[in-house]
């Protein structure tokens, strides 16, 4: 029973950490059943989910291109943007990558004007 409880509690996501510590400190882990441990932790589920939400909001990863799009004024470009089409030759991947890099370069230089 103790091994099962330990394995269960150690495999919970990190946002459950303080609740698992509380359970380990306040329950007799060697004799507590898995169901009792689960039931005890379930009472803290709402709080754990709030902790997760706060953690996600504070550590949100910002996509640099999205950040640029939101913070820089938009300018219309005079040259049309073309999307590379896949080709059957062996160099098609390299050509497509080069075309994409050129498009990004053109877009970034347009933003700097």
PDB file of N, CA and C in Angstrom:
ATOM      1  N   UNK A   1       0.831  -1.192   0.000  1.00  0.00           N
ATOM      2  CA  UNK A   1       0.000   0.000   0.000  1.00  0.00           C
ATOM      3  C   UNK A   1       0.873   1.253   0.000  1.00  0.00           C
ATOM      4  N   UNK A   2       1.897   1.260   0.829  1.00  0.00           N
ATOM      5  CA  UNK A   2       2.770   2.435   0.925  1.00  0.00           C
ATOM      6  C   UNK A   2       3.463   2.718  -0.412  1.00  0.00           C
ATOM      7  N   UNK A   3       3.936   1.655  -1.089  1.00  0.00           N
ATOM      8  CA  UNK A   3       4.597   1.837  -2.382  1.00  0.00           C
ATOM      9  C   UNK A   3       3.634   2.396  -3.415  1.00  0.00           C
ATOM     10  N   UNK A   4       2.403   1.902  -3.421  1.00  0.00           N
ATOM     11  CA  UNK A   4       1.399   2.381  -4.364  1.00  0.00           C
ATOM     12  C   UNK A   4       1.079   3.847  -4.104  1.00  0.00           C
ATOM     13  N   UNK A   5       0.906   4.216  -2.839  1.00  0.00           N
ATOM     14  CA  UNK A   5       0.630   5.612  -2.492  1.00  0.00           C
ATOM     15  C   UNK A   5       1.789   6.523  -2.888  1.00  0.00           C
ATOM     16  N   UNK A   6       3.004   6.066  -2.622  1.00  0.00           N
ATOM     17  CA  UNK A   6       4.181   6.862  -2.963  1.00  0.00           C
ATOM     18  C   UNK A   6       4.301   7.032  -4.468  1.00  0.00           C
ATOM     19  N   UNK A   7       4.095   5.948  -5.198  1.00  0.00           N
ATOM     20  CA  UNK A   7       4.169   6.017  -6.654  1.00  0.00           C
ATOM     21  C   UNK A   7       3.091   6.951  -7.200  1.00  0.00           C
ATOM     22  N   UNK A   8       1.882   6.842  -6.678  1.00  0.00           N
ATOM     23  CA  UNK A   8       0.774   7.701  -7.100  1.00  0.00           C
ATOM     24  C   UNK A   8       1.092   9.166  -6.821  1.00  0.00           C
ATOM     25  N   UNK A   9       1.510   9.468  -5.607  1.00  0.00           N
ATOM     26  CA  UNK A   9       1.752  10.862  -5.230  1.00  0.00           C
ATOM     27  C   UNK A   9       2.959  11.453  -5.959  1.00  0.00           C
ATOM     28  N   UNK A  10       3.969  10.645  -6.242  1.00  0.00           N
ATOM     29  CA  UNK A  10       5.148  11.147  -6.948  1.00  0.00           C
ATOM     30  C   UNK A  10       4.897  11.376  -8.432  1.00  0.00           C
ATOM     31  N   UNK A  11       3.867  10.765  -8.985  1.00  0.00           N
ATOM     32  CA  UNK A  11       3.574  10.922 -10.407  1.00  0.00           C
ATOM     33  C   UNK A  11       2.533  11.995 -10.696  1.00  0.00           C
ATOM     34  N   UNK A  12       2.075  12.668  -9.667  1.00  0.00           N
ATOM     35  CA  UNK A  12       1.138  13.769  -9.896  1.00  0.00           C
ATOM     36  C   UNK A  12       1.892  14.962 -10.478  1.00  0.00           C
ATOM     37  N   UNK A  13       1.208  15.788 -11.286  1.00  0.00           N
ATOM     38  CA  UNK A  13       1.866  16.983 -11.839  1.00  0.00           C
ATOM     39  C   UNK A  13       2.368  17.911 -10.731  1.00  0.00           C
ATOM     40  N   UNK A  14       3.312  18.755 -11.076  1.00  0.00           N
ATOM     41  CA  UNK A  14       3.989  19.606 -10.086  1.00  0.00           C
ATOM     42  C   UNK A  14       3.051  20.556  -9.350  1.00  0.00           C
ATOM     43  N   UNK A  15       1.961  20.973  -9.987  1.00  0.00           N
ATOM     44  CA  UNK A  15       1.063  21.910  -9.313  1.00  0.00           C
ATOM     45  C   UNK A  15       0.311  21.258  -8.150  1.00  0.00           C
ATOM     46  N   UNK A  16       0.411  19.953  -8.010  1.00  0.00           N
ATOM     47  CA  UNK A  16      -0.166  19.247  -6.860  1.00  0.00           C
ATOM     48  C   UNK A  16       0.830  19.166  -5.709  1.00  0.00           C
ATOM     49  N   UNK A  17       2.045  19.647  -5.902  1.00  0.00           N
ATOM     50  CA  UNK A  17       3.138  19.464  -4.957  1.00  0.00           C
ATOM     51  C   UNK A  17       2.816  19.779  -3.514  1.00  0.00           C
ATOM     52  N   UNK A  18       2.291  20.976  -3.240  1.00  0.00           N
ATOM     53  CA  UNK A  18       2.056  21.340  -1.838  1.00  0.00           C
ATOM     54  C   UNK A  18       0.935  20.517  -1.220  1.00  0.00           C
ATOM     55  N   UNK A  19      -0.013  20.060  -2.025  1.00  0.00           N
ATOM     56  CA  UNK A  19      -1.113  19.250  -1.492  1.00  0.00           C
ATOM     57  C   UNK A  19      -0.638  17.830  -1.188  1.00  0.00           C
ATOM     58  N   UNK A  20       0.261  17.320  -2.014  1.00  0.00           N
ATOM     59  CA  UNK A  20       0.853  16.001  -1.761  1.00  0.00           C
ATOM     60  C   UNK A  20       1.710  16.062  -0.500  1.00  0.00           C
ATOM     61  N   UNK A  21       2.485  17.132  -0.360  1.00  0.00           N
ATOM     62  CA  UNK A  21       3.305  17.307   0.846  1.00  0.00           C
ATOM     63  C   UNK A  21       2.421  17.366   2.083  1.00  0.00           C
ATOM     64  N   UNK A  22       1.315  18.085   1.975  1.00  0.00           N
ATOM     65  CA  UNK A  22       0.366  18.176   3.094  1.00  0.00           C
ATOM     66  C   UNK A  22      -0.165  16.786   3.448  1.00  0.00           C
ATOM     67  N   UNK A  23      -0.529  16.015   2.434  1.00  0.00           N
ATOM     68  CA  UNK A  23      -1.048  14.666   2.679  1.00  0.00           C
ATOM     69  C   UNK A  23       0.021  13.778   3.322  1.00  0.00           C
ATOM     70  N   UNK A  24       1.246  13.855   2.817  1.00  0.00           N
ATOM     71  CA  UNK A  24       2.328  13.034   3.374  1.00  0.00           C
ATOM     72  C   UNK A  24       2.610  13.397   4.830  1.00  0.00           C
ATOM     73  N   UNK A  25       2.497  14.687   5.159  1.00  0.00           N
ATOM     74  CA  UNK A  25       2.774  15.133   6.527  1.00  0.00           C
ATOM     75  C   UNK A  25       1.626  14.853   7.496  1.00  0.00           C
ATOM     76  N   UNK A  26       0.402  14.786   6.995  1.00  0.00           N
ATOM     77  CA  UNK A  26      -0.755  14.668   7.878  1.00  0.00           C
ATOM     78  C   UNK A  26      -1.443  13.307   7.851  1.00  0.00           C
ATOM     79  N   UNK A  27      -1.012  12.430   6.966  1.00  0.00           N
ATOM     80  CA  UNK A  27      -1.634  11.106   6.883  1.00  0.00           C
ATOM     81  C   UNK A  27      -0.565  10.050   7.152  1.00  0.00           C
ATOM     82  N   UNK A  28      -0.973   8.947   7.691  1.00  0.00           N
ATOM     83  CA  UNK A  28      -0.055   7.837   7.935  1.00  0.00           C
ATOM     84  C   UNK A  28       0.052   7.037   6.632  1.00  0.00           C
ATOM     85  N   UNK A  29       0.986   7.431   5.779  1.00  0.00           N
ATOM     86  CA  UNK A  29       1.080   6.877   4.426  1.00  0.00           C
ATOM     87  C   UNK A  29       1.204   5.350   4.370  1.00  0.00           C
ATOM     88  N   UNK A  30       1.920   4.702   5.296  1.00  0.00           N
ATOM     89  CA  UNK A  30       2.022   3.245   5.191  1.00  0.00           C
ATOM     90  C   UNK A  30       0.688   2.509   5.361  1.00  0.00           C
ATOM     91  N   UNK A  31      -0.277   3.100   6.061  1.00  0.00           N
ATOM     92  CA  UNK A  31      -1.533   2.372   6.280  1.00  0.00           C
ATOM     93  C   UNK A  31      -2.729   2.988   5.557  1.00  0.00           C
ATOM     94  N   UNK A  32      -2.563   4.167   4.971  1.00  0.00           N
ATOM     95  CA  UNK A  32      -3.657   4.813   4.239  1.00  0.00           C
ATOM     96  C   UNK A  32      -3.870   4.076   2.927  1.00  0.00           C
ATOM     97  N   UNK A  33      -5.109   3.829   2.589  1.00  0.00           N
ATOM     98  CA  UNK A  33      -5.389   3.160   1.320  1.00  0.00           C
ATOM     99  C   UNK A  33      -5.281   4.165   0.178  1.00  0.00           C
ATOM    100  N   UNK A  34      -5.125   3.619  -1.001  1.00  0.00           N
ATOM    101  CA  UNK A  34      -5.047   4.429  -2.218  1.00  0.00           C
ATOM    102  C   UNK A  34      -6.307   5.273  -2.360  1.00  0.00           C
ATOM    103  N   UNK A  35      -7.459   4.693  -2.080  1.00  0.00           N
ATOM    104  CA  UNK A  35      -8.744   5.397  -2.193  1.00  0.00           C
ATOM    105  C   UNK A  35      -8.810   6.550  -1.195  1.00  0.00           C
ATOM    106  N   UNK A  36      -8.335   6.323   0.019  1.00  0.00           N
ATOM    107  CA  UNK A  36      -8.333   7.394   1.030  1.00  0.00           C
ATOM    108  C   UNK A  36      -7.406   8.542   0.611  1.00  0.00           C
ATOM    109  N   UNK A  37      -6.250   8.200   0.078  1.00  0.00           N
ATOM    110  CA  UNK A  37      -5.322   9.227  -0.389  1.00  0.00           C
ATOM    111  C   UNK A  37      -5.938  10.016  -1.541  1.00  0.00           C
ATOM    112  N   UNK A  38      -6.525   9.302  -2.489  1.00  0.00           N
ATOM    113  CA  UNK A  38      -7.174   9.954  -3.625  1.00  0.00           C
ATOM    114  C   UNK A  38      -8.296  10.872  -3.151  1.00  0.00           C
ATOM    115  N   UNK A  39      -9.125  10.389  -2.244  1.00  0.00           N
ATOM    116  CA  UNK A  39     -10.244  11.181  -1.720  1.00  0.00           C
ATOM    117  C   UNK A  39      -9.736  12.427  -1.004  1.00  0.00           C
ATOM    118  N   UNK A  40      -8.683  12.268  -0.224  1.00  0.00           N
ATOM    119  CA  UNK A  40      -8.101  13.411   0.483  1.00  0.00           C
ATOM    120  C   UNK A  40      -7.587  14.459  -0.515  1.00  0.00           C
ATOM    121  N   UNK A  41      -6.860  14.006  -1.527  1.00  0.00           N
ATOM    122  CA  UNK A  41      -6.318  14.940  -2.515  1.00  0.00           C
ATOM    123  C   UNK A  41      -7.415  15.556  -3.379  1.00  0.00           C
ATOM    124  N   UNK A  42      -8.467  14.809  -3.606  1.00  0.00           N
ATOM    125  CA  UNK A  42      -9.581  15.312  -4.431  1.00  0.00           C
ATOM    126  C   UNK A  42     -10.206  16.558  -3.807  1.00  0.00           C
ATOM    127  N   UNK A  43     -10.182  16.673  -2.483  1.00  0.00           N
ATOM    128  CA  UNK A  43     -10.756  17.853  -1.833  1.00  0.00           C
ATOM    129  C   UNK A  43      -9.966  19.116  -2.184  1.00  0.00           C
ATOM    130  N   UNK A  44      -8.725  18.956  -2.622  1.00  0.00           N
ATOM    131  CA  UNK A  44      -7.886  20.101  -2.988  1.00  0.00           C
ATOM    132  C   UNK A  44      -7.837  20.347  -4.497  1.00  0.00           C
ATOM    133  N   UNK A  45      -8.611  19.584  -5.256  1.00  0.00           N
ATOM    134  CA  UNK A  45      -8.530  19.672  -6.716  1.00  0.00           C
ATOM    135  C   UNK A  45      -8.788  21.087  -7.229  1.00  0.00           C
ATOM    136  N   UNK A  46      -9.808  21.748  -6.722  1.00  0.00           N
ATOM    137  CA  UNK A  46     -10.138  23.102  -7.178  1.00  0.00           C
ATOM    138  C   UNK A  46      -8.957  24.052  -6.953  1.00  0.00           C
ATOM    139  N   UNK A  47      -8.335  23.947  -5.797  1.00  0.00           N
ATOM    140  CA  UNK A  47      -7.187  24.802  -5.483  1.00  0.00           C
ATOM    141  C   UNK A  47      -5.989  24.472  -6.379  1.00  0.00           C
ATOM    142  N   UNK A  48      -5.783  23.190  -6.625  1.00  0.00           N
ATOM    143  CA  UNK A  48      -4.660  22.779  -7.475  1.00  0.00           C
ATOM    144  C   UNK A  48      -4.852  23.287  -8.902  1.00  0.00           C
ATOM    145  N   UNK A  49      -6.076  23.230  -9.406  1.00  0.00           N
ATOM    146  CA  UNK A  49      -6.343  23.713 -10.758  1.00  0.00           C
ATOM    147  C   UNK A  49      -6.170  25.229 -10.846  1.00  0.00           C
ATOM    148  N   UNK A  50      -6.530  25.942  -9.773  1.00  0.00           N
ATOM    149  CA  UNK A  50      -6.289  27.391  -9.743  1.00  0.00           C
ATOM    150  C   UNK A  50      -4.791  27.675  -9.761  1.00  0.00           C
ATOM    151  N   UNK A  51      -4.033  26.874  -9.034  1.00  0.00           N
ATOM    152  CA  UNK A  51      -2.572  27.028  -9.032  1.00  0.00           C
ATOM    153  C   UNK A  51      -2.009  26.807 -10.432  1.00  0.00           C
ATOM    154  N   UNK A  52      -2.526  25.796 -11.114  1.00  0.00           N
ATOM    155  CA  UNK A  52      -2.081  25.509 -12.470  1.00  0.00           C
ATOM    156  C   UNK A  52      -2.390  26.681 -13.387  1.00  0.00           C
ATOM    157  N   UNK A  53      -3.587  27.227 -13.280  1.00  0.00           N
ATOM    158  CA  UNK A  53      -3.986  28.344 -14.138  1.00  0.00           C
ATOM    159  C   UNK A  53      -3.093  29.559 -13.891  1.00  0.00           C
ATOM    160  N   UNK A  54      -2.818  29.868 -12.632  1.00  0.00           N
ATOM    161  CA  UNK A  54      -1.931  30.993 -12.307  1.00  0.00           C
ATOM    162  C   UNK A  54      -0.531  30.751 -12.861  1.00  0.00           C
ATOM    163  N   UNK A  55      -0.072  29.519 -12.740  1.00  0.00           N
ATOM    164  CA  UNK A  55       1.264  29.172 -13.231  1.00  0.00           C
ATOM    165  C   UNK A  55       1.331  29.336 -14.751  1.00  0.00           C
ATOM    166  N   UNK A  56       0.298  28.883 -15.450  1.00  0.00           N
ATOM    167  CA  UNK A  56       0.267  29.005 -16.907  1.00  0.00           C
ATOM    168  C   UNK A  56       0.236  30.465 -17.332  1.00  0.00           C
ATOM    169  N   UNK A  57      -0.519  31.288 -16.611  1.00  0.00           N
ATOM    170  CA  UNK A  57      -0.616  32.702 -16.965  1.00  0.00           C
ATOM    171  C   UNK A  57       0.692  33.432 -16.718  1.00  0.00           C
ATOM    172  N   UNK A  58       1.389  33.086 -15.658  1.00  0.00           N
ATOM    173  CA  UNK A  58       2.620  33.800 -15.335  1.00  0.00           C
ATOM    174  C   UNK A  58       3.805  33.343 -16.180  1.00  0.00           C
ATOM    175  N   UNK A  59       3.753  32.142 -16.710  1.00  0.00           N
ATOM    176  CA  UNK A  59       4.852  31.628 -17.511  1.00  0.00           C
ATOM    177  C   UNK A  59       4.460  31.439 -18.968  1.00  0.00           C
ATOM    178  N   UNK A  60       3.522  32.260 -19.438  1.00  0.00           N
ATOM    179  CA  UNK A  60       3.073  32.127 -20.822  1.00  0.00           C
ATOM    180  C   UNK A  60       4.233  32.416 -21.770  1.00  0.00           C
ATOM    181  N   UNK A  61       4.410  31.540 -22.727  1.00  0.00           N
ATOM    182  CA  UNK A  61       5.463  31.715 -23.715  1.00  0.00           C
ATOM    183  C   UNK A  61       4.903  32.583 -24.832  1.00  0.00           C
ATOM    184  N   UNK A  62       5.620  33.642 -25.144  1.00  0.00           N
ATOM    185  CA  UNK A  62       5.163  34.564 -26.167  1.00  0.00           C
ATOM    186  C   UNK A  62       5.878  34.249 -27.470  1.00  0.00           C
ATOM    187  N   UNK A  63       5.100  34.055 -28.521  1.00  0.00           N
ATOM    188  CA  UNK A  63       5.661  33.834 -29.844  1.00  0.00           C
ATOM    189  C   UNK A  63       6.204  35.168 -30.347  1.00  0.00           C
ATOM    190  N   UNK A  64       7.490  35.256 -30.696  1.00  0.00           N
ATOM    191  CA  UNK A  64       8.058  36.543 -31.095  1.00  0.00           C
ATOM    192  C   UNK A  64       7.377  37.156 -32.312  1.00  0.00           C
ATOM    193  N   UNK A  65       6.932  36.337 -33.260  1.00  0.00           N
ATOM    194  CA  UNK A  65       6.256  36.886 -34.435  1.00  0.00           C
ATOM    195  C   UNK A  65       4.894  37.454 -34.066  1.00  0.00           C
ATOM    196  N   UNK A  66       4.185  36.802 -33.150  1.00  0.00           N
ATOM    197  CA  UNK A  66       2.902  37.326 -32.690  1.00  0.00           C
ATOM    198  C   UNK A  66       3.128  38.635 -31.946  1.00  0.00           C
ATOM    199  N   UNK A  67       4.171  38.683 -31.126  1.00  0.00           N
ATOM    200  CA  UNK A  67       4.503  39.909 -30.396  1.00  0.00           C
ATOM    201  C   UNK A  67       4.800  41.045 -31.373  1.00  0.00           C
ATOM    202  N   UNK A  68       5.598  40.762 -32.418  1.00  0.00           N
ATOM    203  CA  UNK A  68       5.903  41.777 -33.424  1.00  0.00           C
ATOM    204  C   UNK A  68       4.647  42.256 -34.133  1.00  0.00           C
ATOM    205  N   UNK A  69       3.784  41.322 -34.478  1.00  0.00           N
ATOM    206  CA  UNK A  69       2.561  41.688 -35.185  1.00  0.00           C
ATOM    207  C   UNK A  69       1.667  42.579 -34.336  1.00  0.00           C
ATOM    208  N   UNK A  70       1.645  42.351 -33.040  1.00  0.00           N
ATOM    209  CA  UNK A  70       0.783  43.137 -32.157  1.00  0.00           C
ATOM    210  C   UNK A  70       1.381  44.494 -31.813  1.00  0.00           C
ATOM    211  N   UNK A  71       2.704  44.608 -31.790  1.00  0.00           N
ATOM    212  CA  UNK A  71       3.332  45.839 -31.309  1.00  0.00           C
ATOM    213  C   UNK A  71       3.800  46.776 -32.407  1.00  0.00           C
ATOM    214  N   UNK A  72       3.851  46.324 -33.641  1.00  0.00           N
ATOM    215  CA  UNK A  72       4.309  47.198 -34.714  1.00  0.00           C
ATOM    216  C   UNK A  72       3.145  47.573 -35.611  1.00  0.00           C
ATOM    217  N   UNK A  73       3.150  48.810 -36.106  1.00  0.00           N
ATOM    218  CA  UNK A  73       2.074  49.218 -37.013  1.00  0.00           C
ATOM    219  C   UNK A  73       2.177  48.449 -38.324  1.00  0.00           C
ATOM    220  N   UNK A  74       1.044  48.202 -38.912  1.00  0.00           N
ATOM    221  CA  UNK A  74       1.036  47.454 -40.165  1.00  0.00           C
ATOM    222  C   UNK A  74       1.240  48.398 -41.336  1.00  0.00           C
ATOM    223  N   UNK A  75       2.026  47.943 -42.298  1.00  0.00           N
ATOM    224  CA  UNK A  75       2.285  48.685 -43.525  1.00  0.00           C
ATOM    225  C   UNK A  75       1.930  47.774 -44.682  1.00  0.00           C
ATOM    226  N   UNK A  76       1.349  48.353 -45.707  1.00  0.00           N
ATOM    227  CA  UNK A  76       1.070  47.529 -46.872  1.00  0.00           C
ATOM    228  C   UNK A  76       2.337  47.433 -47.706  1.00  0.00           C
ATOM    229  N   UNK A  77       2.597  46.267 -48.224  1.00  0.00           N
ATOM    230  CA  UNK A  77       3.789  46.065 -49.041  1.00  0.00           C
ATOM    231  C   UNK A  77       3.425  46.264 -50.498  1.00  0.00           C
ATOM    232  N   UNK A  78       4.376  46.767 -51.270  1.00  0.00           N
ATOM    233  CA  UNK A  78       4.113  46.993 -52.685  1.00  0.00           C
ATOM    234  C   UNK A  78       4.347  45.738 -53.505  1.00  0.00           C
ATOM    235  N   UNK A  79       5.179  44.857 -53.018  1.00  0.00           N
ATOM    236  CA  UNK A  79       5.437  43.633 -53.766  1.00  0.00           C
ATOM    237  C   UNK A  79       4.515  42.525 -53.271  1.00  0.00           C
ATOM    238  N   UNK A  80       3.967  41.745 -54.197  1.00  0.00           N
ATOM    239  CA  UNK A  80       3.069  40.662 -53.777  1.00  0.00           C
ATOM    240  C   UNK A  80       3.851  39.558 -53.067  1.00  0.00           C
ATOM    241  N   UNK A  81       3.202  38.931 -52.128  1.00  0.00           N
ATOM    242  CA  UNK A  81       3.807  37.826 -51.393  1.00  0.00           C
ATOM    243  C   UNK A  81       3.409  36.537 -52.079  1.00  0.00           C
ATOM    244  N   UNK A  82       4.394  35.720 -52.402  1.00  0.00           N
ATOM    245  CA  UNK A  82       4.106  34.439 -53.038  1.00  0.00           C
ATOM    246  C   UNK A  82       4.493  33.313 -52.097  1.00  0.00           C
ATOM    247  N   UNK A  83       3.699  32.290 -52.113  1.00  0.00           N
ATOM    248  CA  UNK A  83       3.961  31.120 -51.283  1.00  0.00           C
ATOM    249  C   UNK A  83       4.608  30.067 -52.163  1.00  0.00           C
ATOM    250  N   UNK A  84       5.745  29.542 -51.752  1.00  0.00           N
ATOM    251  CA  UNK A  84       6.405  28.528 -52.578  1.00  0.00           C
ATOM    252  C   UNK A  84       5.569  27.257 -52.644  1.00  0.00           C
ATOM    253  N   UNK A  85       5.520  26.677 -53.832  1.00  0.00           N
ATOM    254  CA  UNK A  85       4.789  25.425 -54.004  1.00  0.00           C
ATOM    255  C   UNK A  85       5.778  24.274 -53.956  1.00  0.00           C
ATOM    256  N   UNK A  86       5.361  23.140 -53.411  1.00  0.00           N
ATOM    257  CA  UNK A  86       6.272  21.997 -53.333  1.00  0.00           C
ATOM    258  C   UNK A  86       6.647  21.496 -54.719  1.00  0.00           C
ATOM    259  N   UNK A  87       7.901  21.138 -54.891  1.00  0.00           N
ATOM    260  CA  UNK A  87       8.383  20.605 -56.153  1.00  0.00           C
ATOM    261  C   UNK A  87       8.814  19.166 -55.941  1.00  0.00           C
ATOM    262  N   UNK A  88       8.935  18.438 -57.034  1.00  0.00           N
ATOM    263  CA  UNK A  88       9.274  17.025 -56.905  1.00  0.00           C
ATOM    264  C   UNK A  88      10.782  16.783 -56.868  1.00  0.00           C
ATOM    265  N   UNK A  89      11.596  17.775 -57.175  1.00  0.00           N
ATOM    266  CA  UNK A  89      13.044  17.554 -57.188  1.00  0.00           C
ATOM    267  C   UNK A  89      13.590  17.438 -55.773  1.00  0.00           C
ATOM    268  N   UNK A  90      14.798  16.929 -55.646  1.00  0.00           N
ATOM    269  CA  UNK A  90      15.424  16.748 -54.345  1.00  0.00           C
ATOM    270  C   UNK A  90      15.739  18.060 -53.654  1.00  0.00           C
ATOM    271  N   UNK A  91      15.908  19.142 -54.420  1.00  0.00           N
ATOM    272  CA  UNK A  91      16.233  20.444 -53.852  1.00  0.00           C
ATOM    273  C   UNK A  91      14.991  21.238 -53.473  1.00  0.00           C
ATOM    274  N   UNK A  92      13.809  20.678 -53.658  1.00  0.00           N
ATOM    275  CA  UNK A  92      12.581  21.444 -53.410  1.00  0.00           C
ATOM    276  C   UNK A  92      12.475  21.894 -51.960  1.00  0.00           C
ATOM    277  N   UNK A  93      12.918  21.069 -51.033  1.00  0.00           N
ATOM    278  CA  UNK A  93      12.854  21.455 -49.617  1.00  0.00           C
ATOM    279  C   UNK A  93      13.757  22.657 -49.358  1.00  0.00           C
ATOM    280  N   UNK A  94      14.977  22.613 -49.909  1.00  0.00           N
ATOM    281  CA  UNK A  94      15.905  23.734 -49.735  1.00  0.00           C
ATOM    282  C   UNK A  94      15.382  24.992 -50.408  1.00  0.00           C
ATOM    283  N   UNK A  95      14.807  24.838 -51.609  1.00  0.00           N
ATOM    284  CA  UNK A  95      14.247  25.990 -52.317  1.00  0.00           C
ATOM    285  C   UNK A  95      13.088  26.595 -51.543  1.00  0.00           C
ATOM    286  N   UNK A  96      12.231  25.741 -51.012  1.00  0.00           N
ATOM    287  CA  UNK A  96      11.089  26.230 -50.237  1.00  0.00           C
ATOM    288  C   UNK A  96      11.561  26.933 -48.975  1.00  0.00           C
ATOM    289  N   UNK A  97      12.581  26.383 -48.328  1.00  0.00           N
ATOM    290  CA  UNK A  97      13.126  26.995 -47.115  1.00  0.00           C
ATOM    291  C   UNK A  97      13.736  28.356 -47.434  1.00  0.00           C
ATOM    292  N   UNK A  98      14.478  28.443 -48.537  1.00  0.00           N
ATOM    293  CA  UNK A  98      15.086  29.706 -48.949  1.00  0.00           C
ATOM    294  C   UNK A  98      14.013  30.740 -49.275  1.00  0.00           C
ATOM    295  N   UNK A  99      12.968  30.321 -49.979  1.00  0.00           N
ATOM    296  CA  UNK A  99      11.880  31.240 -50.315  1.00  0.00           C
ATOM    297  C   UNK A  99      11.187  31.741 -49.052  1.00  0.00           C
ATOM    298  N   UNK A 100      10.968  30.860 -48.097  1.00  0.00           N
ATOM    299  CA  UNK A 100      10.336  31.258 -46.837  1.00  0.00           C
ATOM    300  C   UNK A 100      11.220  32.233 -46.077  1.00  0.00           C
ATOM    301  N   UNK A 101      12.517  31.965 -46.044  1.00  0.00           N
ATOM    302  CA  UNK A 101      13.440  32.869 -45.354  1.00  0.00           C
ATOM    303  C   UNK A 101      13.463  34.237 -46.032  1.00  0.00           C
ATOM    304  N   UNK A 102      13.403  34.262 -47.365  1.00  0.00           N
ATOM    305  CA  UNK A 102      13.356  35.534 -48.091  1.00  0.00           C
ATOM    306  C   UNK A 102      12.075  36.295 -47.770  1.00  0.00           C
ATOM    307  N   UNK A 103      10.962  35.587 -47.680  1.00  0.00           N
ATOM    308  CA  UNK A 103       9.694  36.240 -47.342  1.00  0.00           C
ATOM    309  C   UNK A 103       9.756  36.852 -45.952  1.00  0.00           C
ATOM    310  N   UNK A 104      10.303  36.123 -45.006  1.00  0.00           N
ATOM    311  CA  UNK A 104      10.420  36.641 -43.638  1.00  0.00           C
ATOM    312  C   UNK A 104      11.332  37.860 -43.627  1.00  0.00           C
ATOM    313  N   UNK A 105      12.432  37.792 -44.368  1.00  0.00           N
ATOM    314  CA  UNK A 105      13.356  38.920 -44.449  1.00  0.00           C
ATOM    315  C   UNK A 105      12.665  40.143 -45.041  1.00  0.00           C
ATOM    316  N   UNK A 106      11.883  39.944 -46.112  1.00  0.00           N
ATOM    317  CA  UNK A 106      11.147  41.053 -46.731  1.00  0.00           C
ATOM    318  C   UNK A 106      10.128  41.640 -45.772  1.00  0.00           C
ATOM    319  N   UNK A 107       9.426  40.783 -45.045  1.00  0.00           N
ATOM    320  CA  UNK A 107       8.433  41.274 -44.088  1.00  0.00           C
ATOM    321  C   UNK A 107       9.094  42.082 -42.982  1.00  0.00           C
ATOM    322  N   UNK A 108      10.210  41.580 -42.462  1.00  0.00           N
ATOM    323  CA  UNK A 108      10.907  42.288 -41.389  1.00  0.00           C
ATOM    324  C   UNK A 108      11.490  43.606 -41.874  1.00  0.00           C
ATOM    325  N   UNK A 109      12.021  43.634 -43.095  1.00  0.00           N
ATOM    326  CA  UNK A 109      12.564  44.896 -43.610  1.00  0.00           C
ATOM    327  C   UNK A 109      11.437  45.885 -43.871  1.00  0.00           C
ATOM    328  N   UNK A 110      10.254  45.399 -44.232  1.00  0.00           N
ATOM    329  CA  UNK A 110       9.096  46.278 -44.411  1.00  0.00           C
ATOM    330  C   UNK A 110       8.638  46.883 -43.099  1.00  0.00           C
ATOM    331  N   UNK A 111       8.802  46.155 -41.995  1.00  0.00           N
ATOM    332  CA  UNK A 111       8.401  46.668 -40.685  1.00  0.00           C
ATOM    333  C   UNK A 111       9.363  47.728 -40.178  1.00  0.00           C
ATOM    334  N   UNK A 112      10.607  47.684 -40.636  1.00  0.00           N
ATOM    335  CA  UNK A 112      11.614  48.633 -40.161  1.00  0.00           C
ATOM    336  C   UNK A 112      11.518  49.980 -40.858  1.00  0.00           C
ATOM    337  N   UNK A 113      10.765  50.071 -41.944  1.00  0.00           N
ATOM    338  CA  UNK A 113      10.647  51.340 -42.684  1.00  0.00           C
ATOM    339  C   UNK A 113       9.838  52.357 -41.928  1.00  0.00           C
TER     340      UNK A 113
END
